[in-house]
Amino acid sequence: MAENKVQRSGSNSALRDFLKSEAAGGILLMAAAALAMVVANSPLYDMYHHFLHEIKGPTLSSKLGPMTPHLWINDGLMAVFFLLVGLEIKREFVDGRLNTWDRRRLPVLAAAAGMAVPALIYLFVVKDVPMLYNGWAIPAATDIAFAIGVLALLGPRAPTSLKLFLVTVAIVDDMGAVAIIALVYTAEINGAALLASGAILAVMYTMNRNGVLKLWPYLIGSGLLWYAVLMSGVHATIAGVLAAMTIPIVVTPTSPDSKESPLHRLEHAISPWSAFLIVPLFGFANAGVSMEGIGWEQVFAPLPLGIAAGLFFGKQIGIFASVWIAVKTGFAGRLGGASWLQVYGVAMLCGIGFTMSLFIGALAFPGNELLIEEAKIGVLGGSFLSAIVGFCILRFAPQDKHLESLGKEDADKLMEALPAGEAQKLKDVL
């Protein structure tokens, strides 16, 4: 797509704002999930369940039927979350930390291994229950907000290089999750609606190519695209990512974000809504699991056990092993200022699969409330273990002054090599 280049100074770093909002949003998400569990295991459960699943919205089509608050959250509000994911992915690949192959190699490798190994462990655990195979992607996702929230609790004990590594791995991980949702968890295809989706997307792409920088035409197009994709049988949230790819970005290689950039303006506008409303609301609506009548046999059933094992063991093995091999073979450089124990701790935190995993769990077993509830148990268990163990490793990992000085030297060298604007972005984060 045709993108413009300008130079500008004096604006806040998008990366710094992103880390701050994700950290605060992650802590709020933890609180929302905890509240959902409390409510689901109290006398308020019936009211909680009734409110979420009682028909509140209009009938969008005879095929879909009436929309409940739960569906509006999962298919409607989460499309805005996926729009933000798409904007972040495009920004990072066009004008961010993933704009060259050298910068992409390590996070792409780590994310790929961090998705493949959990899926394989899950399939091994459920190998004797074919009806559960469709859930293979549930433990493959990492929840960036939750993980960054845990890192925020550690303060300076988590080196900046690890925070940036976690963010880039999670962004690449999100790309994989979006592709899986689009390709694997798609219902029957409505050809006419799919054709309409393609036509709307083509119009938005044409606007981008012709230099349209006003946001409102893209916002109208995004709403129409969401409805068309919803009708097509492809999950509606994919519309958010597709729409994001058409939003123009004004590239600023030697200065912070441009106020004239539609992508940057939209990203900054919706980021707080996503972090402080949409994702916590999704967590509250989807994390509530009633433990009444659930015994150890349900907790250790193949589905929750496979998901928990995939998140807890698969993520740490896949990510840490891939980073170690990449460094030892010279495929990528070591993370500056971080010990191998700290790298292992961050790999452990990547096992927090909360938002995306819950989302995929509902798609994997549509209409089967028992399996969806079991999937929630596995996601909550695996994510909780990963968060606690990862936090403890990073909290008590020795602070190596030599590594810290090496990390500072690496940062100083990078500062000298970067253009002024990029160096200022890195300074803002550090």
Protein backbone atom coordinates (compact mmCIF):
# COMPACT_ATOMS: atom_id res chain seq x y z
CA MET A 1 0.00 0.00 0.00
CA ALA A 2 1.12 3.52 -0.68
CA GLU A 3 2.30 5.12 2.52
CA ASN A 4 3.68 8.61 3.09
CA LYS A 5 6.81 9.62 5.01
CA VAL A 6 7.12 12.70 7.22
CA GLN A 7 9.35 13.87 10.02
CA ARG A 8 8.01 15.16 13.30
CA SER A 9 9.16 15.56 16.90
CA GLY A 10 7.70 16.15 20.34
CA SER A 11 5.02 13.43 20.48
CA ASN A 12 4.72 10.63 23.01
CA SER A 13 6.18 7.30 21.99
CA ALA A 14 3.49 4.87 20.87
CA LEU A 15 5.58 2.03 22.26
CA ARG A 16 5.77 3.65 25.69
CA ASP A 17 2.02 4.34 25.69
CA PHE A 18 1.36 0.79 24.54
CA LEU A 19 3.41 -0.76 27.34
CA LYS A 20 1.74 1.45 29.91
CA SER A 21 -1.80 0.76 28.74
CA GLU A 22 -1.17 -2.97 28.33
CA ALA A 23 0.31 -3.18 31.83
CA ALA A 24 -2.59 -1.33 33.45
CA GLY A 25 -5.10 -3.15 31.27
CA GLY A 26 -3.54 -6.49 32.18
CA ILE A 27 -3.92 -5.80 35.89
CA LEU A 28 -7.54 -4.79 35.31
CA LEU A 29 -8.06 -7.98 33.30
CA MET A 30 -6.77 -10.04 36.24
CA ALA A 31 -9.26 -8.28 38.51
CA ALA A 32 -12.13 -8.87 36.04
CA ALA A 33 -11.28 -12.57 35.76
CA ALA A 34 -11.08 -12.94 39.54
CA LEU A 35 -14.43 -11.16 39.94
CA ALA A 36 -16.01 -13.46 37.35
CA MET A 37 -14.83 -16.52 39.29
CA VAL A 38 -16.17 -15.08 42.54
CA VAL A 39 -19.56 -14.29 41.01
CA ALA A 40 -19.79 -17.67 39.24
CA ASN A 41 -19.28 -19.45 42.56
CA SER A 42 -21.69 -17.36 44.59
CA PRO A 43 -25.48 -17.03 44.82
CA LEU A 44 -25.19 -14.48 41.99
CA TYR A 45 -24.34 -17.16 39.41
CA ASP A 46 -27.87 -17.54 38.04
CA MET A 47 -28.18 -13.79 37.53
CA TYR A 48 -24.71 -13.66 35.94
CA HIS A 49 -25.49 -16.49 33.52
CA HIS A 50 -28.99 -15.24 32.75
CA PHE A 51 -27.80 -11.71 31.97
CA LEU A 52 -25.07 -12.87 29.60
CA HIS A 53 -27.18 -15.38 27.70
CA GLU A 54 -30.59 -13.71 27.73
CA ILE A 55 -31.57 -12.26 24.36
CA LYS A 56 -30.99 -8.51 24.46
CA GLY A 57 -30.07 -7.49 20.92
CA PRO A 58 -31.95 -7.51 17.61
CA THR A 59 -32.04 -10.47 15.27
CA LEU A 60 -29.29 -9.81 12.72
CA SER A 61 -30.45 -12.61 10.43
CA SER A 62 -32.63 -15.68 10.51
CA LYS A 63 -29.47 -17.78 10.26
CA LEU A 64 -27.70 -16.25 13.25
CA GLY A 65 -30.75 -15.67 15.40
CA PRO A 66 -31.01 -13.12 18.21
CA MET A 67 -27.84 -11.69 19.74
CA THR A 68 -27.23 -12.14 23.45
CA PRO A 69 -24.91 -9.86 25.46
CA HIS A 70 -22.35 -12.68 25.39
CA LEU A 71 -22.44 -12.75 21.58
CA TRP A 72 -22.31 -8.97 21.31
CA ILE A 73 -19.17 -9.00 23.45
CA ASN A 74 -17.47 -11.92 21.68
CA ASP A 75 -18.49 -11.09 18.10
CA GLY A 76 -18.98 -7.33 18.34
CA LEU A 77 -16.74 -5.65 20.90
CA MET A 78 -13.93 -8.13 20.33
CA ALA A 79 -13.85 -7.03 16.68
CA VAL A 80 -12.59 -3.68 18.00
CA PHE A 81 -9.91 -5.54 19.99
CA PHE A 82 -8.87 -7.38 16.82
CA LEU A 83 -8.86 -4.06 14.94
CA LEU A 84 -6.32 -2.82 17.48
CA VAL A 85 -4.31 -6.04 17.09
CA GLY A 86 -4.25 -5.49 13.33
CA LEU A 87 -3.17 -1.86 13.71
CA GLU A 88 -0.33 -2.89 16.04
CA ILE A 89 0.81 -5.61 13.66
CA LYS A 90 0.83 -3.25 10.67
CA ARG A 91 2.62 -0.51 12.60
CA GLU A 92 5.32 -2.89 13.82
CA PHE A 93 5.93 -4.34 10.35
CA VAL A 94 5.89 -1.01 8.49
CA ASP A 95 7.40 1.43 10.99
CA GLY A 96 8.35 -0.47 14.13
CA ARG A 97 10.52 -3.13 15.69
CA LEU A 98 9.61 -5.72 13.05
CA ASN A 99 10.30 -3.62 9.96
CA THR A 100 13.40 -5.59 8.96
CA TRP A 101 14.07 -9.32 8.80
CA ASP A 102 16.93 -9.03 11.29
CA ARG A 103 14.48 -7.71 13.87
CA ARG A 104 11.82 -10.27 13.00
CA ARG A 105 13.90 -13.43 13.12
CA LEU A 106 13.97 -14.13 16.86
CA PRO A 107 10.35 -13.20 17.75
CA VAL A 108 8.99 -15.02 14.68
CA LEU A 109 10.98 -18.15 15.53
CA ALA A 110 10.02 -17.99 19.22
CA ALA A 111 6.34 -17.36 18.47
CA ALA A 112 6.19 -20.20 15.92
CA ALA A 113 7.80 -22.67 18.33
CA GLY A 114 5.63 -21.29 21.14
CA MET A 115 2.51 -22.17 19.15
CA ALA A 116 3.61 -25.52 17.69
CA VAL A 117 4.88 -27.21 20.87
CA PRO A 118 1.76 -26.46 23.00
CA ALA A 119 -0.46 -27.76 20.18
CA LEU A 120 1.56 -30.98 19.96
CA ILE A 121 1.46 -31.51 23.73
CA TYR A 122 -2.30 -30.93 23.72
CA LEU A 123 -2.82 -33.46 20.90
CA PHE A 124 -0.65 -35.99 22.74
CA VAL A 125 -2.73 -35.66 25.91
CA VAL A 126 -6.11 -35.98 24.10
CA LYS A 127 -4.93 -38.54 21.53
CA ASP A 128 -7.50 -41.11 22.71
CA VAL A 129 -10.46 -38.70 22.41
CA PRO A 130 -10.88 -37.70 18.73
CA MET A 131 -13.75 -35.32 19.46
CA LEU A 132 -11.29 -33.07 21.31
CA TYR A 133 -8.81 -32.72 18.45
CA ASN A 134 -10.48 -29.49 17.30
CA GLY A 135 -9.18 -27.74 20.41
CA TRP A 136 -5.51 -28.05 19.41
CA ALA A 137 -5.10 -24.27 19.00
CA ILE A 138 -6.45 -23.31 22.44
CA PRO A 139 -3.06 -23.46 24.23
CA ALA A 140 -1.21 -21.91 21.28
CA ALA A 141 -2.01 -18.27 22.11
CA THR A 142 -0.36 -15.80 24.50
CA ASP A 143 -2.32 -13.06 26.28
CA ILE A 144 -0.19 -9.94 25.91
CA ALA A 145 -2.23 -7.78 28.33
CA PHE A 146 -2.13 -10.35 31.14
CA ALA A 147 1.58 -11.09 30.63
CA ILE A 148 2.58 -7.41 30.51
CA GLY A 149 0.46 -6.85 33.62
CA VAL A 150 2.48 -9.48 35.48
CA LEU A 151 5.73 -7.89 34.27
CA ALA A 152 4.50 -4.51 35.51
CA LEU A 153 4.23 -5.96 39.02
CA LEU A 154 7.95 -6.79 38.85
CA GLY A 155 9.00 -3.21 38.12
CA PRO A 156 12.72 -2.80 37.33
CA ARG A 157 13.51 -6.45 38.12
CA ALA A 158 12.40 -7.29 34.58
CA PRO A 159 14.96 -5.93 32.07
CA THR A 160 13.54 -3.74 29.31
CA SER A 161 14.91 -6.12 26.67
CA LEU A 162 12.64 -8.85 28.06
CA LYS A 163 9.58 -6.58 28.00
CA LEU A 164 10.22 -5.70 24.36
CA PHE A 165 10.84 -9.35 23.51
CA LEU A 166 7.56 -10.36 25.15
CA VAL A 167 5.63 -7.69 23.26
CA THR A 168 7.10 -8.63 19.87
CA VAL A 169 6.59 -12.37 20.44
CA ALA A 170 2.99 -11.73 21.50
CA ILE A 171 2.34 -9.58 18.41
CA VAL A 172 3.64 -12.32 16.09
CA ASP A 173 1.67 -14.84 18.19
CA ASP A 174 -1.48 -12.77 17.60
CA MET A 175 -0.87 -12.99 13.85
CA GLY A 176 -0.79 -16.76 14.11
CA ALA A 177 -3.93 -16.86 16.24
CA VAL A 178 -5.80 -14.64 13.77
CA ALA A 179 -4.77 -16.88 10.88
CA ILE A 180 -5.89 -19.99 12.78
CA ILE A 181 -9.28 -18.46 13.58
CA ALA A 182 -9.81 -17.48 9.94
CA LEU A 183 -8.64 -20.76 8.41
CA VAL A 184 -9.65 -23.38 10.98
CA TYR A 185 -12.61 -22.11 12.99
CA THR A 186 -14.88 -21.04 10.16
CA ALA A 187 -18.49 -22.20 9.83
CA GLU A 188 -20.36 -22.76 6.57
CA ILE A 189 -19.43 -20.12 4.02
CA ASN A 190 -22.09 -17.76 2.61
CA GLY A 191 -20.74 -17.00 -0.85
CA ALA A 192 -22.72 -13.78 -1.38
CA ALA A 193 -21.68 -12.33 1.98
CA LEU A 194 -18.06 -13.34 1.37
CA LEU A 195 -18.17 -11.63 -2.03
CA ALA A 196 -19.60 -8.50 -0.39
CA SER A 197 -16.79 -8.60 2.18
CA GLY A 198 -14.22 -8.73 -0.60
CA ALA A 199 -15.86 -5.81 -2.40
CA ILE A 200 -15.89 -3.64 0.74
CA LEU A 201 -12.27 -4.51 1.46
CA ALA A 202 -11.35 -3.62 -2.14
CA VAL A 203 -13.00 -0.20 -1.77
CA MET A 204 -11.08 0.46 1.46
CA TYR A 205 -7.83 -0.64 -0.19
CA THR A 206 -8.52 1.66 -3.15
CA MET A 207 -9.08 4.59 -0.78
CA ASN A 208 -5.70 3.88 0.78
CA ARG A 209 -3.99 3.70 -2.61
CA ASN A 210 -5.54 7.00 -3.64
CA GLY A 211 -4.26 8.84 -0.59
CA VAL A 212 -7.47 9.18 1.42
CA LEU A 213 -6.27 10.12 4.91
CA LYS A 214 -9.58 10.97 6.61
CA LEU A 215 -10.60 8.29 9.09
CA TRP A 216 -14.38 8.41 8.81
CA PRO A 217 -14.61 6.62 5.40
CA TYR A 218 -12.51 3.78 6.81
CA LEU A 219 -14.64 3.58 9.96
CA ILE A 220 -17.83 3.31 7.90
CA GLY A 221 -16.17 0.69 5.73
CA SER A 222 -15.03 -1.21 8.83
CA GLY A 223 -18.60 -1.36 10.17
CA LEU A 224 -19.94 -2.63 6.84
CA LEU A 225 -17.09 -5.13 6.59
CA TRP A 226 -17.83 -6.45 10.09
CA TYR A 227 -21.47 -7.11 9.19
CA ALA A 228 -20.58 -8.75 5.86
CA VAL A 229 -17.96 -11.01 7.47
CA LEU A 230 -20.42 -11.88 10.26
CA MET A 231 -22.92 -13.00 7.62
CA SER A 232 -20.28 -14.89 5.61
CA GLY A 233 -19.57 -17.58 8.22
CA VAL A 234 -15.99 -16.42 8.84
CA HIS A 235 -15.70 -15.23 12.43
CA ALA A 236 -16.65 -11.56 12.62
CA THR A 237 -13.57 -10.52 14.56
CA ILE A 238 -11.41 -11.21 11.48
CA ALA A 239 -13.04 -8.10 9.97
CA GLY A 240 -11.14 -6.01 12.52
CA VAL A 241 -7.76 -7.30 11.35
CA LEU A 242 -8.66 -7.00 7.66
CA ALA A 243 -9.88 -3.43 8.15
CA ALA A 244 -6.67 -2.52 9.99
CA MET A 245 -4.58 -3.57 7.00
CA THR A 246 -6.29 -0.87 4.87
CA ILE A 247 -5.81 2.02 7.32
CA PRO A 248 -3.09 4.36 5.96
CA ILE A 249 0.03 4.92 8.02
CA VAL A 250 2.27 7.96 7.69
CA VAL A 251 5.73 6.48 8.21
CA THR A 252 8.06 8.50 10.44
CA PRO A 253 11.51 6.85 10.29
CA THR A 254 13.35 9.67 12.04
CA SER A 255 10.71 10.98 14.44
CA PRO A 256 7.91 9.77 16.74
CA ASP A 257 4.37 9.07 15.54
CA SER A 258 2.75 11.56 13.19
CA LYS A 259 -0.49 13.28 14.18
CA GLU A 260 -1.38 13.19 10.49
CA SER A 261 -1.16 9.38 10.39
CA PRO A 262 -4.66 7.79 10.38
CA LEU A 263 -3.32 4.52 11.75
CA HIS A 264 -1.53 6.17 14.67
CA ARG A 265 -4.55 8.34 15.50
CA LEU A 266 -6.96 5.41 15.42
CA GLU A 267 -4.61 3.21 17.44
CA HIS A 268 -4.21 5.82 20.16
CA ALA A 269 -7.98 6.47 20.17
CA ILE A 270 -9.14 2.88 20.65
CA SER A 271 -6.25 1.54 22.75
CA PRO A 272 -7.67 2.80 26.09
CA TRP A 273 -11.14 1.48 25.25
CA SER A 274 -9.68 -1.93 24.43
CA ALA A 275 -7.40 -2.09 27.48
CA PHE A 276 -9.80 -0.71 30.08
CA LEU A 277 -13.24 -1.79 28.82
CA ILE A 278 -13.40 -4.37 26.04
CA VAL A 279 -10.79 -6.90 27.19
CA PRO A 280 -11.77 -6.77 30.90
CA LEU A 281 -15.44 -7.08 29.89
CA PHE A 282 -14.57 -10.09 27.73
CA GLY A 283 -12.66 -11.59 30.66
CA PHE A 284 -15.58 -11.05 33.02
CA ALA A 285 -18.07 -12.55 30.53
CA ASN A 286 -15.96 -15.60 29.70
CA ALA A 287 -13.89 -16.48 32.78
CA GLY A 288 -16.77 -17.27 35.12
CA VAL A 289 -16.68 -21.01 35.78
CA SER A 290 -18.89 -22.51 38.44
CA MET A 291 -16.94 -25.13 40.36
CA GLU A 292 -20.10 -26.58 41.91
CA GLY A 293 -20.21 -30.30 41.28
CA ILE A 294 -16.79 -30.32 39.62
CA GLY A 295 -14.48 -32.95 41.07
CA TRP A 296 -10.88 -33.86 40.44
CA GLU A 297 -11.96 -36.18 37.64
CA GLN A 298 -13.28 -33.14 35.70
CA VAL A 299 -10.22 -31.03 36.46
CA PHE A 300 -7.92 -33.77 35.22
CA ALA A 301 -10.09 -34.78 32.28
CA PRO A 302 -8.24 -34.91 28.94
CA LEU A 303 -9.46 -31.51 27.68
CA PRO A 304 -8.52 -29.27 30.64
CA LEU A 305 -5.37 -31.30 31.27
CA GLY A 306 -4.28 -31.02 27.63
CA ILE A 307 -4.85 -27.26 27.56
CA ALA A 308 -3.12 -26.63 30.90
CA ALA A 309 -0.16 -28.84 29.93
CA GLY A 310 0.11 -27.12 26.55
CA LEU A 311 0.15 -23.66 28.11
CA PHE A 312 2.38 -24.43 31.07
CA PHE A 313 4.87 -26.88 29.55
CA GLY A 314 4.50 -26.25 25.81
CA LYS A 315 5.04 -22.50 25.87
CA GLN A 316 8.11 -22.56 28.09
CA ILE A 317 9.70 -25.43 26.16
CA GLY A 318 8.95 -24.04 22.71
CA ILE A 319 9.97 -20.43 23.35
CA PHE A 320 12.99 -20.98 25.61
CA ALA A 321 14.41 -23.81 23.50
CA SER A 322 14.00 -21.83 20.26
CA VAL A 323 15.72 -18.76 21.74
CA TRP A 324 18.57 -20.86 23.16
CA ILE A 325 19.13 -22.67 19.86
CA ALA A 326 18.92 -19.40 17.90
CA VAL A 327 21.58 -17.78 20.08
CA LYS A 328 23.88 -20.83 20.15
CA THR A 329 23.73 -21.25 16.36
CA GLY A 330 24.20 -17.54 15.67
CA PHE A 331 20.77 -17.21 14.07
CA ALA A 332 20.00 -14.34 16.45
CA GLY A 333 21.77 -12.36 19.16
CA ARG A 334 21.26 -12.79 22.88
CA LEU A 335 18.84 -10.45 24.64
CA GLY A 336 20.90 -7.64 26.15
CA GLY A 337 20.96 -7.26 29.92
CA ALA A 338 19.06 -10.50 30.63
CA SER A 339 20.30 -13.78 32.09
CA TRP A 340 19.16 -17.13 30.76
CA LEU A 341 17.08 -17.60 33.91
CA GLN A 342 15.25 -14.36 33.19
CA VAL A 343 14.67 -15.40 29.58
CA TYR A 344 13.22 -18.65 30.92
CA GLY A 345 10.95 -16.66 33.24
CA VAL A 346 9.55 -14.64 30.34
CA ALA A 347 9.09 -17.83 28.30
CA MET A 348 7.06 -19.11 31.26
CA LEU A 349 4.90 -15.95 31.25
CA CYS A 350 4.08 -16.62 27.59
CA GLY A 351 2.04 -19.56 28.91
CA ILE A 352 -0.61 -17.06 30.00
CA GLY A 353 -3.11 -17.66 27.23
CA PHE A 354 -6.15 -16.09 28.80
CA THR A 355 -8.02 -13.88 26.29
CA MET A 356 -7.14 -15.58 22.99
CA SER A 357 -7.32 -19.07 24.50
CA LEU A 358 -10.79 -18.50 25.96
CA PHE A 359 -11.85 -17.03 22.63
CA ILE A 360 -10.58 -19.99 20.62
CA GLY A 361 -12.05 -22.42 23.16
CA ALA A 362 -15.55 -21.09 22.46
CA LEU A 363 -14.94 -21.43 18.71
CA ALA A 364 -13.52 -24.95 18.95
CA PHE A 365 -16.59 -26.49 20.59
CA PRO A 366 -19.60 -24.41 19.49
CA GLY A 367 -22.81 -25.27 21.32
CA ASN A 368 -21.13 -27.77 23.67
CA GLU A 369 -21.32 -25.97 27.02
CA LEU A 370 -19.70 -28.86 28.91
CA LEU A 371 -16.56 -28.83 26.74
CA ILE A 372 -16.42 -25.03 26.73
CA GLU A 373 -16.51 -25.04 30.54
CA GLU A 374 -13.80 -27.71 30.67
CA ALA A 375 -11.73 -25.64 28.24
CA LYS A 376 -12.10 -22.64 30.56
CA ILE A 377 -10.82 -24.72 33.48
CA GLY A 378 -7.76 -25.71 31.45
CA VAL A 379 -7.08 -22.16 30.28
CA LEU A 380 -7.46 -20.69 33.77
CA GLY A 381 -5.34 -23.43 35.36
CA GLY A 382 -2.52 -23.28 32.80
CA SER A 383 -2.49 -19.48 32.73
CA PHE A 384 -2.52 -19.21 36.53
CA LEU A 385 0.38 -21.65 36.91
CA SER A 386 2.37 -19.90 34.18
CA ALA A 387 1.77 -16.49 35.77
CA ILE A 388 2.74 -17.58 39.29
CA VAL A 389 5.83 -19.57 38.32
CA GLY A 390 6.98 -16.98 35.77
CA PHE A 391 6.54 -14.18 38.31
CA CYS A 392 8.49 -16.09 40.98
CA ILE A 393 11.36 -16.88 38.60
CA LEU A 394 11.71 -13.26 37.54
CA ARG A 395 11.18 -11.94 41.08
CA PHE A 396 13.93 -14.06 42.62
CA ALA A 397 16.32 -14.36 39.65
CA PRO A 398 19.74 -12.92 40.62
CA GLN A 399 20.39 -9.47 39.22
CA ASP A 400 23.65 -9.85 37.28
CA LYS A 401 25.40 -6.45 37.32
CA HIS A 402 27.76 -7.56 34.55
CA LEU A 403 24.84 -8.42 32.30
CA GLU A 404 23.14 -5.15 33.16
CA SER A 405 26.27 -3.23 32.15
CA LEU A 406 26.51 -5.23 28.93
CA GLY A 407 22.87 -4.47 28.25
CA LYS A 408 23.58 -0.78 28.78
CA GLU A 409 26.55 -0.95 26.43
CA ASP A 410 24.38 -2.66 23.81
CA ALA A 411 21.74 0.04 24.25
CA ASP A 412 24.32 2.82 23.92
CA LYS A 413 25.66 1.30 20.71
CA LEU A 414 22.13 0.96 19.38
CA MET A 415 21.40 4.59 20.27
CA GLU A 416 24.40 5.73 18.24
CA ALA A 417 23.36 3.66 15.24
CA LEU A 418 19.68 4.66 15.25
CA PRO A 419 18.20 7.81 13.71
CA ALA A 420 17.35 10.49 16.26
CA GLY A 421 13.64 9.69 16.42
CA GLU A 422 14.12 5.96 16.87
CA ALA A 423 16.73 6.56 19.56
CA GLN A 424 14.30 8.82 21.41
CA LYS A 425 11.63 6.08 21.29
CA LEU A 426 14.05 3.63 22.88
CA LYS A 427 15.02 6.19 25.53
CA ASP A 428 11.33 6.74 26.35
CA VAL A 429 10.88 3.01 26.99
CA LEU A 430 14.09 2.63 28.99
